[in-house]
Amino acid sequence: LPDPFAKVTVDGSGQCHSTDTCKATLDPKWNQHYD
């Protein structure tokens, strides 16, 4: 099974964040907030 994560970039702000990796799942759920 894959180990998905998401990488988020906010246009014009220079901010880039990566989520935690969800191990061995086809249905990842992230509940993360970035300021």
PDB file of N, CA and C in Angstrom:
ATOM      1  N   LEU A   1       0.836  -1.190   0.000  1.00  0.00           N
ATOM      2  CA  LEU A   1       0.000   0.000   0.000  1.00  0.00           C
ATOM      3  C   LEU A   1       0.878   1.249   0.000  1.00  0.00           C
ATOM      4  N   PRO A   2       0.385   2.340  -0.562  1.00  0.00           N
ATOM      5  CA  PRO A   2       1.157   3.581  -0.602  1.00  0.00           C
ATOM      6  C   PRO A   2       1.218   4.267   0.763  1.00  0.00           C
ATOM      7  N   ASP A   3       2.144   5.186   0.880  1.00  0.00           N
ATOM      8  CA  ASP A   3       2.305   6.032   2.068  1.00  0.00           C
ATOM      9  C   ASP A   3       2.098   7.487   1.644  1.00  0.00           C
ATOM     10  N   PRO A   4       0.830   7.914   1.469  1.00  0.00           N
ATOM     11  CA  PRO A   4       0.554   9.237   0.913  1.00  0.00           C
ATOM     12  C   PRO A   4       0.855  10.393   1.868  1.00  0.00           C
ATOM     13  N   PHE A   5       1.176  11.534   1.244  1.00  0.00           N
ATOM     14  CA  PHE A   5       1.309  12.800   1.944  1.00  0.00           C
ATOM     15  C   PHE A   5       0.907  13.877   0.957  1.00  0.00           C
ATOM     16  N   ALA A   6       0.673  15.079   1.449  1.00  0.00           N
ATOM     17  CA  ALA A   6       0.315  16.198   0.580  1.00  0.00           C
ATOM     18  C   ALA A   6       1.326  17.316   0.773  1.00  0.00           C
ATOM     19  N   LYS A   7       1.622  18.006  -0.314  1.00  0.00           N
ATOM     20  CA  LYS A   7       2.487  19.176  -0.266  1.00  0.00           C
ATOM     21  C   LYS A   7       1.640  20.355  -0.728  1.00  0.00           C
ATOM     22  N   VAL A   8       1.581  21.408   0.091  1.00  0.00           N
ATOM     23  CA  VAL A   8       0.706  22.549  -0.170  1.00  0.00           C
ATOM     24  C   VAL A   8       1.547  23.808  -0.327  1.00  0.00           C
ATOM     25  N   THR A   9       1.312  24.532  -1.419  1.00  0.00           N
ATOM     26  CA  THR A   9       1.988  25.801  -1.662  1.00  0.00           C
ATOM     27  C   THR A   9       0.932  26.890  -1.814  1.00  0.00           C
ATOM     28  N   VAL A  10       1.124  28.016  -1.125  1.00  0.00           N
ATOM     29  CA  VAL A  10       0.201  29.144  -1.219  1.00  0.00           C
ATOM     30  C   VAL A  10       0.805  30.146  -2.199  1.00  0.00           C
ATOM     31  N   ASP A  11       0.127  30.344  -3.337  1.00  0.00           N
ATOM     32  CA  ASP A  11       0.632  31.244  -4.374  1.00  0.00           C
ATOM     33  C   ASP A  11       0.881  32.645  -3.837  1.00  0.00           C
ATOM     34  N   GLY A  12       2.013  33.203  -4.215  1.00  0.00           N
ATOM     35  CA  GLY A  12       2.334  34.577  -3.859  1.00  0.00           C
ATOM     36  C   GLY A  12       2.841  34.777  -2.443  1.00  0.00           C
ATOM     37  N   SER A  13       2.762  33.754  -1.598  1.00  0.00           N
ATOM     38  CA  SER A  13       3.183  33.939  -0.206  1.00  0.00           C
ATOM     39  C   SER A  13       4.560  33.344   0.071  1.00  0.00           C
ATOM     40  N   GLY A  14       5.009  32.441  -0.785  1.00  0.00           N
ATOM     41  CA  GLY A  14       6.278  31.774  -0.550  1.00  0.00           C
ATOM     42  C   GLY A  14       6.191  30.664   0.488  1.00  0.00           C
ATOM     43  N   GLN A  15       4.991  30.384   0.996  1.00  0.00           N
ATOM     44  CA  GLN A  15       4.817  29.344   2.010  1.00  0.00           C
ATOM     45  C   GLN A  15       4.614  27.985   1.340  1.00  0.00           C
ATOM     46  N   CYS A  16       5.294  26.972   1.876  1.00  0.00           N
ATOM     47  CA  CYS A  16       5.144  25.608   1.400  1.00  0.00           C
ATOM     48  C   CYS A  16       5.161  24.684   2.609  1.00  0.00           C
ATOM     49  N   HIS A  17       4.185  23.806   2.708  1.00  0.00           N
ATOM     50  CA  HIS A  17       4.071  22.887   3.844  1.00  0.00           C
ATOM     51  C   HIS A  17       3.834  21.477   3.321  1.00  0.00           C
ATOM     52  N   SER A  18       4.318  20.492   4.060  1.00  0.00           N
ATOM     53  CA  SER A  18       4.027  19.085   3.780  1.00  0.00           C
ATOM     54  C   SER A  18       3.319  18.491   4.985  1.00  0.00           C
ATOM     55  N   THR A  19       2.338  17.638   4.714  1.00  0.00           N
ATOM     56  CA  THR A  19       1.629  16.971   5.799  1.00  0.00           C
ATOM     57  C   THR A  19       2.467  15.814   6.329  1.00  0.00           C
ATOM     58  N   ASP A  20       2.031  15.252   7.428  1.00  0.00           N
ATOM     59  CA  ASP A  20       2.616  14.010   7.903  1.00  0.00           C
ATOM     60  C   ASP A  20       2.262  12.915   6.900  1.00  0.00           C
ATOM     61  N   THR A  21       3.054  11.856   6.869  1.00  0.00           N
ATOM     62  CA  THR A  21       2.784  10.718   6.005  1.00  0.00           C
ATOM     63  C   THR A  21       1.797   9.784   6.687  1.00  0.00           C
ATOM     64  N   CYS A  22       0.775   9.385   5.946  1.00  0.00           N
ATOM     65  CA  CYS A  22      -0.186   8.394   6.448  1.00  0.00           C
ATOM     66  C   CYS A  22       0.296   7.033   5.955  1.00  0.00           C
ATOM     67  N   LYS A  23       0.721   6.196   6.850  1.00  0.00           N
ATOM     68  CA  LYS A  23       1.331   4.915   6.488  1.00  0.00           C
ATOM     69  C   LYS A  23       0.308   3.901   5.988  1.00  0.00           C
ATOM     70  N   ALA A  24       0.641   3.252   4.874  1.00  0.00           N
ATOM     71  CA  ALA A  24      -0.071   2.093   4.327  1.00  0.00           C
ATOM     72  C   ALA A  24      -1.592   2.259   4.288  1.00  0.00           C
ATOM     73  N   THR A  25      -2.053   3.281   3.547  1.00  0.00           N
ATOM     74  CA  THR A  25      -3.501   3.498   3.431  1.00  0.00           C
ATOM     75  C   THR A  25      -3.870   3.979   2.031  1.00  0.00           C
ATOM     76  N   LEU A  26      -5.054   3.596   1.600  1.00  0.00           N
ATOM     77  CA  LEU A  26      -5.612   4.104   0.348  1.00  0.00           C
ATOM     78  C   LEU A  26      -6.631   5.205   0.614  1.00  0.00           C
ATOM     79  N   ASP A  27      -6.879   5.513   1.890  1.00  0.00           N
ATOM     80  CA  ASP A  27      -7.873   6.512   2.286  1.00  0.00           C
ATOM     81  C   ASP A  27      -7.273   7.445   3.345  1.00  0.00           C
ATOM     82  N   PRO A  28      -6.270   8.250   2.952  1.00  0.00           N
ATOM     83  CA  PRO A  28      -5.610   9.112   3.942  1.00  0.00           C
ATOM     84  C   PRO A  28      -6.517  10.239   4.422  1.00  0.00           C
ATOM     85  N   LYS A  29      -6.351  10.601   5.675  1.00  0.00           N
ATOM     86  CA  LYS A  29      -7.077  11.737   6.258  1.00  0.00           C
ATOM     87  C   LYS A  29      -6.079  12.568   7.055  1.00  0.00           C
ATOM     88  N   TRP A  30      -6.050  13.850   6.771  1.00  0.00           N
ATOM     89  CA  TRP A  30      -5.164  14.765   7.476  1.00  0.00           C
ATOM     90  C   TRP A  30      -6.017  15.796   8.192  1.00  0.00           C
ATOM     91  N   ASN A  31      -5.650  16.113   9.388  1.00  0.00           N
ATOM     92  CA  ASN A  31      -6.319  17.167  10.143  1.00  0.00           C
ATOM     93  C   ASN A  31      -5.223  18.078  10.683  1.00  0.00           C
ATOM     94  N   GLN A  32      -4.562  18.758   9.754  1.00  0.00           N
ATOM     95  CA  GLN A  32      -3.453  19.623  10.120  1.00  0.00           C
ATOM     96  C   GLN A  32      -3.776  21.048   9.707  1.00  0.00           C
ATOM     97  N   HIS A  33      -3.308  21.992  10.497  1.00  0.00           N
ATOM     98  CA  HIS A  33      -3.524  23.411  10.223  1.00  0.00           C
ATOM     99  C   HIS A  33      -2.173  24.108  10.177  1.00  0.00           C
ATOM    100  N   TYR A  34      -2.039  25.040   9.257  1.00  0.00           N
ATOM    101  CA  TYR A  34      -0.814  25.820   9.123  1.00  0.00           C
ATOM    102  C   TYR A  34      -1.175  27.294   9.176  1.00  0.00           C
ATOM    103  N   ASP A  35      -0.371  28.056   9.891  1.00  0.00           N
ATOM    104  CA  ASP A  35      -0.601  29.501   9.988  1.00  0.00           C
ATOM    105  C   ASP A  35       0.362  30.245   9.093  1.00  0.00           C
TER     106      ASP A  35
END
